[in-house]
């Protein structure tokens, strides 16, 4: 049902924006699912590992404090770096 809503557009095959403010992670996941094979395996039979990290919640409303300055925090950069290097 949710994916049907995401493909119900008069000008595009797939929409990447939902109807309201909330549910952005669900909208993004449904949008990205269109680009990952149903079996989650590539042509060589290797499992495809992918993830969507919804960073909007940590971005909005960042206030300056001892850890971050006003605006975007870049907080997930550390997480992604750890996943890549320590995996």
PDB file of N, CA and C in Angstrom:
ATOM      1  N   UNK A   1       0.825  -1.194   0.000  1.00  0.00           N
ATOM      2  CA  UNK A   1       0.000   0.000   0.000  1.00  0.00           C
ATOM      3  C   UNK A   1       0.867   1.255   0.000  1.00  0.00           C
ATOM      4  N   UNK A   2       1.904   1.247   0.846  1.00  0.00           N
ATOM      5  CA  UNK A   2       2.772   2.422   0.926  1.00  0.00           C
ATOM      6  C   UNK A   2       3.528   2.627  -0.383  1.00  0.00           C
ATOM      7  N   UNK A   3       4.021   1.523  -0.957  1.00  0.00           N
ATOM      8  CA  UNK A   3       4.738   1.634  -2.225  1.00  0.00           C
ATOM      9  C   UNK A   3       3.812   2.108  -3.340  1.00  0.00           C
ATOM     10  N   UNK A   4       2.545   1.729  -3.280  1.00  0.00           N
ATOM     11  CA  UNK A   4       1.562   2.192  -4.268  1.00  0.00           C
ATOM     12  C   UNK A   4       1.451   3.709  -4.201  1.00  0.00           C
ATOM     13  N   UNK A   5       1.414   4.250  -2.983  1.00  0.00           N
ATOM     14  CA  UNK A   5       1.336   5.700  -2.817  1.00  0.00           C
ATOM     15  C   UNK A   5       2.570   6.377  -3.418  1.00  0.00           C
ATOM     16  N   UNK A   6       3.728   5.743  -3.273  1.00  0.00           N
ATOM     17  CA  UNK A   6       4.966   6.334  -3.767  1.00  0.00           C
ATOM     18  C   UNK A   6       5.074   6.296  -5.289  1.00  0.00           C
ATOM     19  N   UNK A   7       4.334   5.408  -5.930  1.00  0.00           N
ATOM     20  CA  UNK A   7       4.379   5.336  -7.391  1.00  0.00           C
ATOM     21  C   UNK A   7       3.169   6.006  -8.032  1.00  0.00           C
ATOM     22  N   UNK A   8       2.302   6.588  -7.228  1.00  0.00           N
ATOM     23  CA  UNK A   8       1.094   7.239  -7.719  1.00  0.00           C
ATOM     24  C   UNK A   8       1.387   8.715  -8.001  1.00  0.00           C
ATOM     25  N   UNK A   9       1.928   8.985  -9.173  1.00  0.00           N
ATOM     26  CA  UNK A   9       2.282  10.343  -9.559  1.00  0.00           C
ATOM     27  C   UNK A   9       1.905  10.553 -11.018  1.00  0.00           C
ATOM     28  N   UNK A  10       1.424  11.738 -11.341  1.00  0.00           N
ATOM     29  CA  UNK A  10       1.060  12.017 -12.732  1.00  0.00           C
ATOM     30  C   UNK A  10       2.258  12.479 -13.554  1.00  0.00           C
ATOM     31  N   UNK A  11       3.392  12.792 -12.887  1.00  0.00           N
ATOM     32  CA  UNK A  11       4.544  13.299 -13.636  1.00  0.00           C
ATOM     33  C   UNK A  11       5.820  12.482 -13.454  1.00  0.00           C
ATOM     34  N   UNK A  12       5.818  11.477 -12.576  1.00  0.00           N
ATOM     35  CA  UNK A  12       7.045  10.708 -12.325  1.00  0.00           C
ATOM     36  C   UNK A  12       6.724   9.239 -12.103  1.00  0.00           C
ATOM     37  N   UNK A  13       7.716   8.380 -12.364  1.00  0.00           N
ATOM     38  CA  UNK A  13       7.547   6.950 -12.095  1.00  0.00           C
ATOM     39  C   UNK A  13       7.513   6.673 -10.596  1.00  0.00           C
ATOM     40  N   UNK A  14       8.380   7.360  -9.861  1.00  0.00           N
ATOM     41  CA  UNK A  14       8.470   7.180  -8.416  1.00  0.00           C
ATOM     42  C   UNK A  14       8.663   8.534  -7.761  1.00  0.00           C
ATOM     43  N   UNK A  15       7.921   8.777  -6.696  1.00  0.00           N
ATOM     44  CA  UNK A  15       8.089  10.009  -5.930  1.00  0.00           C
ATOM     45  C   UNK A  15       9.076   9.744  -4.803  1.00  0.00           C
ATOM     46  N   UNK A  16       9.858  10.737  -4.436  1.00  0.00           N
ATOM     47  CA  UNK A  16      10.752  10.571  -3.307  1.00  0.00           C
ATOM     48  C   UNK A  16      10.372  11.486  -2.143  1.00  0.00           C
ATOM     49  N   UNK A  17       9.160  12.017  -2.199  1.00  0.00           N
ATOM     50  CA  UNK A  17       8.642  12.830  -1.105  1.00  0.00           C
ATOM     51  C   UNK A  17       7.276  12.316  -0.702  1.00  0.00           C
ATOM     52  N   UNK A  18       7.041  12.260   0.598  1.00  0.00           N
ATOM     53  CA  UNK A  18       5.740  11.844   1.092  1.00  0.00           C
ATOM     54  C   UNK A  18       4.762  13.000   1.095  1.00  0.00           C
ATOM     55  N   UNK A  19       3.565  12.729   1.551  1.00  0.00           N
ATOM     56  CA  UNK A  19       2.515  13.747   1.537  1.00  0.00           C
ATOM     57  C   UNK A  19       2.624  14.714   2.706  1.00  0.00           C
ATOM     58  N   UNK A  20       3.235  14.288   3.796  1.00  0.00           N
ATOM     59  CA  UNK A  20       3.292  15.140   4.980  1.00  0.00           C
ATOM     60  C   UNK A  20       4.694  15.243   5.547  1.00  0.00           C
ATOM     61  N   UNK A  21       4.776  15.869   6.709  1.00  0.00           N
ATOM     62  CA  UNK A  21       6.064  16.094   7.359  1.00  0.00           C
ATOM     63  C   UNK A  21       6.643  14.816   7.941  1.00  0.00           C
ATOM     64  N   UNK A  22       5.806  13.927   8.460  1.00  0.00           N
ATOM     65  CA  UNK A  22       6.293  12.746   9.168  1.00  0.00           C
ATOM     66  C   UNK A  22       6.350  11.526   8.251  1.00  0.00           C
ATOM     67  N   UNK A  23       7.058  10.519   8.679  1.00  0.00           N
ATOM     68  CA  UNK A  23       7.185   9.292   7.897  1.00  0.00           C
ATOM     69  C   UNK A  23       8.284   9.357   6.860  1.00  0.00           C
ATOM     70  N   UNK A  24       9.216  10.281   7.021  1.00  0.00           N
ATOM     71  CA  UNK A  24      10.284  10.445   6.048  1.00  0.00           C
ATOM     72  C   UNK A  24      11.159   9.218   5.893  1.00  0.00           C
ATOM     73  N   UNK A  25      11.448   8.523   6.993  1.00  0.00           N
ATOM     74  CA  UNK A  25      12.280   7.315   6.912  1.00  0.00           C
ATOM     75  C   UNK A  25      11.556   6.238   6.113  1.00  0.00           C
ATOM     76  N   UNK A  26      10.256   6.108   6.316  1.00  0.00           N
ATOM     77  CA  UNK A  26       9.466   5.134   5.555  1.00  0.00           C
ATOM     78  C   UNK A  26       9.433   5.503   4.076  1.00  0.00           C
ATOM     79  N   UNK A  27       9.264   6.779   3.794  1.00  0.00           N
ATOM     80  CA  UNK A  27       9.249   7.253   2.413  1.00  0.00           C
ATOM     81  C   UNK A  27      10.582   6.952   1.740  1.00  0.00           C
ATOM     82  N   UNK A  28      11.667   7.258   2.420  1.00  0.00           N
ATOM     83  CA  UNK A  28      12.999   7.020   1.859  1.00  0.00           C
ATOM     84  C   UNK A  28      13.248   5.534   1.635  1.00  0.00           C
ATOM     85  N   UNK A  29      12.858   4.702   2.588  1.00  0.00           N
ATOM     86  CA  UNK A  29      13.055   3.254   2.446  1.00  0.00           C
ATOM     87  C   UNK A  29      12.269   2.714   1.252  1.00  0.00           C
ATOM     88  N   UNK A  30      11.029   3.155   1.094  1.00  0.00           N
ATOM     89  CA  UNK A  30      10.208   2.700  -0.036  1.00  0.00           C
ATOM     90  C   UNK A  30      10.809   3.178  -1.355  1.00  0.00           C
ATOM     91  N   UNK A  31      11.333   4.398  -1.375  1.00  0.00           N
ATOM     92  CA  UNK A  31      11.965   4.930  -2.578  1.00  0.00           C
ATOM     93  C   UNK A  31      13.221   4.134  -2.926  1.00  0.00           C
ATOM     94  N   UNK A  32      14.082   3.896  -1.942  1.00  0.00           N
ATOM     95  CA  UNK A  32      15.335   3.180  -2.190  1.00  0.00           C
ATOM     96  C   UNK A  32      15.106   1.726  -2.562  1.00  0.00           C
ATOM     97  N   UNK A  33      14.030   1.127  -2.050  1.00  0.00           N
ATOM     98  CA  UNK A  33      13.727  -0.273  -2.347  1.00  0.00           C
ATOM     99  C   UNK A  33      13.539  -0.489  -3.847  1.00  0.00           C
ATOM    100  N   UNK A  34      13.134   0.552  -4.561  1.00  0.00           N
ATOM    101  CA  UNK A  34      12.934   0.434  -6.002  1.00  0.00           C
ATOM    102  C   UNK A  34      14.237   0.116  -6.737  1.00  0.00           C
ATOM    103  N   UNK A  35      15.382   0.381  -6.103  1.00  0.00           N
ATOM    104  CA  UNK A  35      16.675   0.226  -6.762  1.00  0.00           C
ATOM    105  C   UNK A  35      17.468  -0.982  -6.266  1.00  0.00           C
ATOM    106  N   UNK A  36      16.902  -1.755  -5.356  1.00  0.00           N
ATOM    107  CA  UNK A  36      17.563  -2.952  -4.830  1.00  0.00           C
ATOM    108  C   UNK A  36      16.786  -4.164  -5.330  1.00  0.00           C
ATOM    109  N   UNK A  37      17.477  -5.149  -5.915  1.00  0.00           N
ATOM    110  CA  UNK A  37      16.763  -6.334  -6.417  1.00  0.00           C
ATOM    111  C   UNK A  37      15.933  -7.004  -5.327  1.00  0.00           C
ATOM    112  N   UNK A  38      14.815  -7.599  -5.725  1.00  0.00           N
ATOM    113  CA  UNK A  38      13.912  -8.237  -4.766  1.00  0.00           C
ATOM    114  C   UNK A  38      14.592  -9.285  -3.907  1.00  0.00           C
ATOM    115  N   UNK A  39      15.546 -10.023  -4.466  1.00  0.00           N
ATOM    116  CA  UNK A  39      16.195 -11.096  -3.725  1.00  0.00           C
ATOM    117  C   UNK A  39      17.327 -10.585  -2.841  1.00  0.00           C
ATOM    118  N   UNK A  40      17.704  -9.327  -2.969  1.00  0.00           N
ATOM    119  CA  UNK A  40      18.840  -8.759  -2.241  1.00  0.00           C
ATOM    120  C   UNK A  40      20.142  -9.484  -2.544  1.00  0.00           C
ATOM    121  N   UNK A  41      20.271 -10.013  -3.765  1.00  0.00           N
ATOM    122  CA  UNK A  41      21.509 -10.654  -4.218  1.00  0.00           C
ATOM    123  C   UNK A  41      21.887 -10.066  -5.567  1.00  0.00           C
ATOM    124  N   UNK A  42      23.176  -9.934  -5.816  1.00  0.00           N
ATOM    125  CA  UNK A  42      23.608  -9.430  -7.116  1.00  0.00           C
ATOM    126  C   UNK A  42      23.692 -10.569  -8.131  1.00  0.00           C
ATOM    127  N   UNK A  43      24.148 -10.274  -9.334  1.00  0.00           N
ATOM    128  CA  UNK A  43      24.177 -11.269 -10.416  1.00  0.00           C
ATOM    129  C   UNK A  43      25.103 -12.447 -10.126  1.00  0.00           C
ATOM    130  N   UNK A  44      26.114 -12.225  -9.292  1.00  0.00           N
ATOM    131  CA  UNK A  44      27.051 -13.299  -8.949  1.00  0.00           C
ATOM    132  C   UNK A  44      26.587 -14.105  -7.741  1.00  0.00           C
ATOM    133  N   UNK A  45      25.421 -13.795  -7.202  1.00  0.00           N
ATOM    134  CA  UNK A  45      24.897 -14.521  -6.053  1.00  0.00           C
ATOM    135  C   UNK A  45      25.368 -14.001  -4.709  1.00  0.00           C
ATOM    136  N   UNK A  46      26.088 -12.874  -4.724  1.00  0.00           N
ATOM    137  CA  UNK A  46      26.545 -12.280  -3.468  1.00  0.00           C
ATOM    138  C   UNK A  46      25.411 -11.454  -2.862  1.00  0.00           C
ATOM    139  N   UNK A  47      25.268 -11.557  -1.552  1.00  0.00           N
ATOM    140  CA  UNK A  47      24.215 -10.795  -0.883  1.00  0.00           C
ATOM    141  C   UNK A  47      24.538  -9.306  -0.935  1.00  0.00           C
ATOM    142  N   UNK A  48      23.520  -8.510  -1.243  1.00  0.00           N
ATOM    143  CA  UNK A  48      23.673  -7.060  -1.287  1.00  0.00           C
ATOM    144  C   UNK A  48      23.375  -6.516   0.105  1.00  0.00           C
ATOM    145  N   UNK A  49      24.343  -5.822   0.662  1.00  0.00           N
ATOM    146  CA  UNK A  49      24.157  -5.202   1.966  1.00  0.00           C
ATOM    147  C   UNK A  49      23.963  -3.710   1.742  1.00  0.00           C
ATOM    148  N   UNK A  50      22.877  -3.179   2.237  1.00  0.00           N
ATOM    149  CA  UNK A  50      22.635  -1.758   2.108  1.00  0.00           C
ATOM    150  C   UNK A  50      21.824  -1.279   3.297  1.00  0.00           C
ATOM    151  N   UNK A  51      21.893  -0.010   3.545  1.00  0.00           N
ATOM    152  CA  UNK A  51      21.145   0.581   4.651  1.00  0.00           C
ATOM    153  C   UNK A  51      20.802   2.018   4.302  1.00  0.00           C
ATOM    154  N   UNK A  52      19.701   2.470   4.840  1.00  0.00           N
ATOM    155  CA  UNK A  52      19.330   3.877   4.728  1.00  0.00           C
ATOM    156  C   UNK A  52      19.460   4.478   6.119  1.00  0.00           C
ATOM    157  N   UNK A  53      20.247   5.517   6.237  1.00  0.00           N
ATOM    158  CA  UNK A  53      20.416   6.198   7.524  1.00  0.00           C
ATOM    159  C   UNK A  53      19.658   7.515   7.446  1.00  0.00           C
ATOM    160  N   UNK A  54      18.584   7.608   8.188  1.00  0.00           N
ATOM    161  CA  UNK A  54      17.775   8.824   8.183  1.00  0.00           C
ATOM    162  C   UNK A  54      18.406   9.823   9.143  1.00  0.00           C
ATOM    163  N   UNK A  55      19.028  10.857   8.594  1.00  0.00           N
ATOM    164  CA  UNK A  55      19.765  11.804   9.421  1.00  0.00           C
ATOM    165  C   UNK A  55      18.989  13.085   9.718  1.00  0.00           C
ATOM    166  N   UNK A  56      17.777  13.203   9.191  1.00  0.00           N
ATOM    167  CA  UNK A  56      17.028  14.452   9.351  1.00  0.00           C
ATOM    168  C   UNK A  56      16.779  14.790  10.817  1.00  0.00           C
ATOM    169  N   UNK A  57      16.463  13.792  11.627  1.00  0.00           N
ATOM    170  CA  UNK A  57      16.174  14.049  13.036  1.00  0.00           C
ATOM    171  C   UNK A  57      17.349  14.621  13.798  1.00  0.00           C
ATOM    172  N   UNK A  58      18.557  14.241  13.424  1.00  0.00           N
ATOM    173  CA  UNK A  58      19.731  14.779  14.112  1.00  0.00           C
ATOM    174  C   UNK A  58      20.193  16.091  13.511  1.00  0.00           C
ATOM    175  N   UNK A  59      19.713  16.386  12.328  1.00  0.00           N
ATOM    176  CA  UNK A  59      20.100  17.648  11.699  1.00  0.00           C
ATOM    177  C   UNK A  59      19.255  18.810  12.208  1.00  0.00           C
ATOM    178  N   UNK A  60      17.960  18.654  12.180  1.00  0.00           N
ATOM    179  CA  UNK A  60      17.071  19.765  12.503  1.00  0.00           C
ATOM    180  C   UNK A  60      17.196  20.170  13.958  1.00  0.00           C
ATOM    181  N   UNK A  61      17.294  21.461  14.154  1.00  0.00           N
ATOM    182  CA  UNK A  61      17.283  22.009  15.505  1.00  0.00           C
ATOM    183  C   UNK A  61      18.593  21.869  16.249  1.00  0.00           C
ATOM    184  N   UNK A  62      19.686  21.628  15.536  1.00  0.00           N
ATOM    185  CA  UNK A  62      20.974  21.527  16.218  1.00  0.00           C
ATOM    186  C   UNK A  62      21.313  22.880  16.835  1.00  0.00           C
ATOM    187  N   UNK A  63      21.520  22.880  18.125  1.00  0.00           N
ATOM    188  CA  UNK A  63      21.883  24.106  18.841  1.00  0.00           C
ATOM    189  C   UNK A  63      23.356  24.028  19.213  1.00  0.00           C
ATOM    190  N   UNK A  64      23.995  25.157  19.225  1.00  0.00           N
ATOM    191  CA  UNK A  64      25.401  25.200  19.574  1.00  0.00           C
ATOM    192  C   UNK A  64      25.594  24.779  21.030  1.00  0.00           C
ATOM    193  N   UNK A  65      26.556  23.888  21.247  1.00  0.00           N
ATOM    194  CA  UNK A  65      26.937  23.494  22.604  1.00  0.00           C
ATOM    195  C   UNK A  65      28.403  23.086  22.565  1.00  0.00           C
ATOM    196  N   UNK A  66      28.891  22.440  23.605  1.00  0.00           N
ATOM    197  CA  UNK A  66      30.308  22.077  23.641  1.00  0.00           C
ATOM    198  C   UNK A  66      30.673  21.018  22.610  1.00  0.00           C
ATOM    199  N   UNK A  67      29.675  20.265  22.105  1.00  0.00           N
ATOM    200  CA  UNK A  67      29.945  19.193  21.147  1.00  0.00           C
ATOM    201  C   UNK A  67      29.788  19.630  19.690  1.00  0.00           C
ATOM    202  N   UNK A  68      28.816  20.503  19.406  1.00  0.00           N
ATOM    203  CA  UNK A  68      28.530  20.899  18.025  1.00  0.00           C
ATOM    204  C   UNK A  68      28.276  22.397  17.934  1.00  0.00           C
ATOM    205  N   UNK A  69      28.444  22.925  16.732  1.00  0.00           N
ATOM    206  CA  UNK A  69      28.105  24.317  16.444  1.00  0.00           C
ATOM    207  C   UNK A  69      26.699  24.364  15.857  1.00  0.00           C
ATOM    208  N   UNK A  70      26.125  25.564  15.713  1.00  0.00           N
ATOM    209  CA  UNK A  70      24.800  25.707  15.112  1.00  0.00           C
ATOM    210  C   UNK A  70      24.776  25.107  13.713  1.00  0.00           C
ATOM    211  N   UNK A  71      23.612  24.521  13.353  1.00  0.00           N
ATOM    212  CA  UNK A  71      23.426  23.992  12.008  1.00  0.00           C
ATOM    213  C   UNK A  71      23.660  22.499  11.937  1.00  0.00           C
ATOM    214  N   UNK A  72      24.083  22.045  10.766  1.00  0.00           N
ATOM    215  CA  UNK A  72      24.282  20.610  10.538  1.00  0.00           C
ATOM    216  C   UNK A  72      25.374  20.073  11.459  1.00  0.00           C
ATOM    217  N   UNK A  73      25.139  18.895  12.030  1.00  0.00           N
ATOM    218  CA  UNK A  73      26.074  18.330  12.999  1.00  0.00           C
ATOM    219  C   UNK A  73      27.092  17.391  12.371  1.00  0.00           C
ATOM    220  N   UNK A  74      26.748  16.757  11.253  1.00  0.00           N
ATOM    221  CA  UNK A  74      27.636  15.753  10.674  1.00  0.00           C
ATOM    222  C   UNK A  74      27.793  14.550  11.579  1.00  0.00           C
ATOM    223  N   UNK A  75      26.849  14.372  12.490  1.00  0.00           N
ATOM    224  CA  UNK A  75      26.976  13.355  13.530  1.00  0.00           C
ATOM    225  C   UNK A  75      27.089  11.938  12.978  1.00  0.00           C
ATOM    226  N   UNK A  76      26.477  11.666  11.842  1.00  0.00           N
ATOM    227  CA  UNK A  76      26.532  10.308  11.300  1.00  0.00           C
ATOM    228  C   UNK A  76      27.840  10.009  10.572  1.00  0.00           C
ATOM    229  N   UNK A  77      28.648  11.018  10.315  1.00  0.00           N
ATOM    230  CA  UNK A  77      29.935  10.784   9.663  1.00  0.00           C
ATOM    231  C   UNK A  77      30.786   9.855  10.519  1.00  0.00           C
ATOM    232  N   UNK A  78      30.790  10.079  11.829  1.00  0.00           N
ATOM    233  CA  UNK A  78      31.550   9.227  12.744  1.00  0.00           C
ATOM    234  C   UNK A  78      31.027   7.786  12.721  1.00  0.00           C
ATOM    235  N   UNK A  79      29.714   7.628  12.687  1.00  0.00           N
ATOM    236  CA  UNK A  79      29.111   6.292  12.639  1.00  0.00           C
ATOM    237  C   UNK A  79      29.489   5.573  11.349  1.00  0.00           C
ATOM    238  N   UNK A  80      29.367   6.251  10.220  1.00  0.00           N
ATOM    239  CA  UNK A  80      29.704   5.646   8.933  1.00  0.00           C
ATOM    240  C   UNK A  80      31.187   5.285   8.893  1.00  0.00           C
ATOM    241  N   UNK A  81      32.032   6.174   9.381  1.00  0.00           N
ATOM    242  CA  UNK A  81      33.470   5.886   9.420  1.00  0.00           C
ATOM    243  C   UNK A  81      33.745   4.632  10.248  1.00  0.00           C
ATOM    244  N   UNK A  82      33.098   4.514  11.391  1.00  0.00           N
ATOM    245  CA  UNK A  82      33.288   3.333  12.242  1.00  0.00           C
ATOM    246  C   UNK A  82      32.818   2.064  11.525  1.00  0.00           C
ATOM    247  N   UNK A  83      31.666   2.121  10.877  1.00  0.00           N
ATOM    248  CA  UNK A  83      31.154   0.947  10.169  1.00  0.00           C
ATOM    249  C   UNK A  83      32.092   0.502   9.047  1.00  0.00           C
ATOM    250  N   UNK A  84      32.665   1.462   8.351  1.00  0.00           N
ATOM    251  CA  UNK A  84      33.571   1.128   7.248  1.00  0.00           C
ATOM    252  C   UNK A  84      34.904   0.590   7.763  1.00  0.00           C
ATOM    253  N   UNK A  85      35.461   1.231   8.775  1.00  0.00           N
ATOM    254  CA  UNK A  85      36.796   0.841   9.230  1.00  0.00           C
ATOM    255  C   UNK A  85      36.793  -0.312  10.222  1.00  0.00           C
ATOM    256  N   UNK A  86      35.741  -0.436  11.028  1.00  0.00           N
ATOM    257  CA  UNK A  86      35.689  -1.488  12.042  1.00  0.00           C
ATOM    258  C   UNK A  86      34.739  -2.612  11.663  1.00  0.00           C
ATOM    259  N   UNK A  87      33.829  -2.311  10.715  1.00  0.00           N
ATOM    260  CA  UNK A  87      32.829  -3.179  10.151  1.00  0.00           C
ATOM    261  C   UNK A  87      32.464  -4.359  10.908  1.00  0.00           C
TER     262      UNK A  87
END
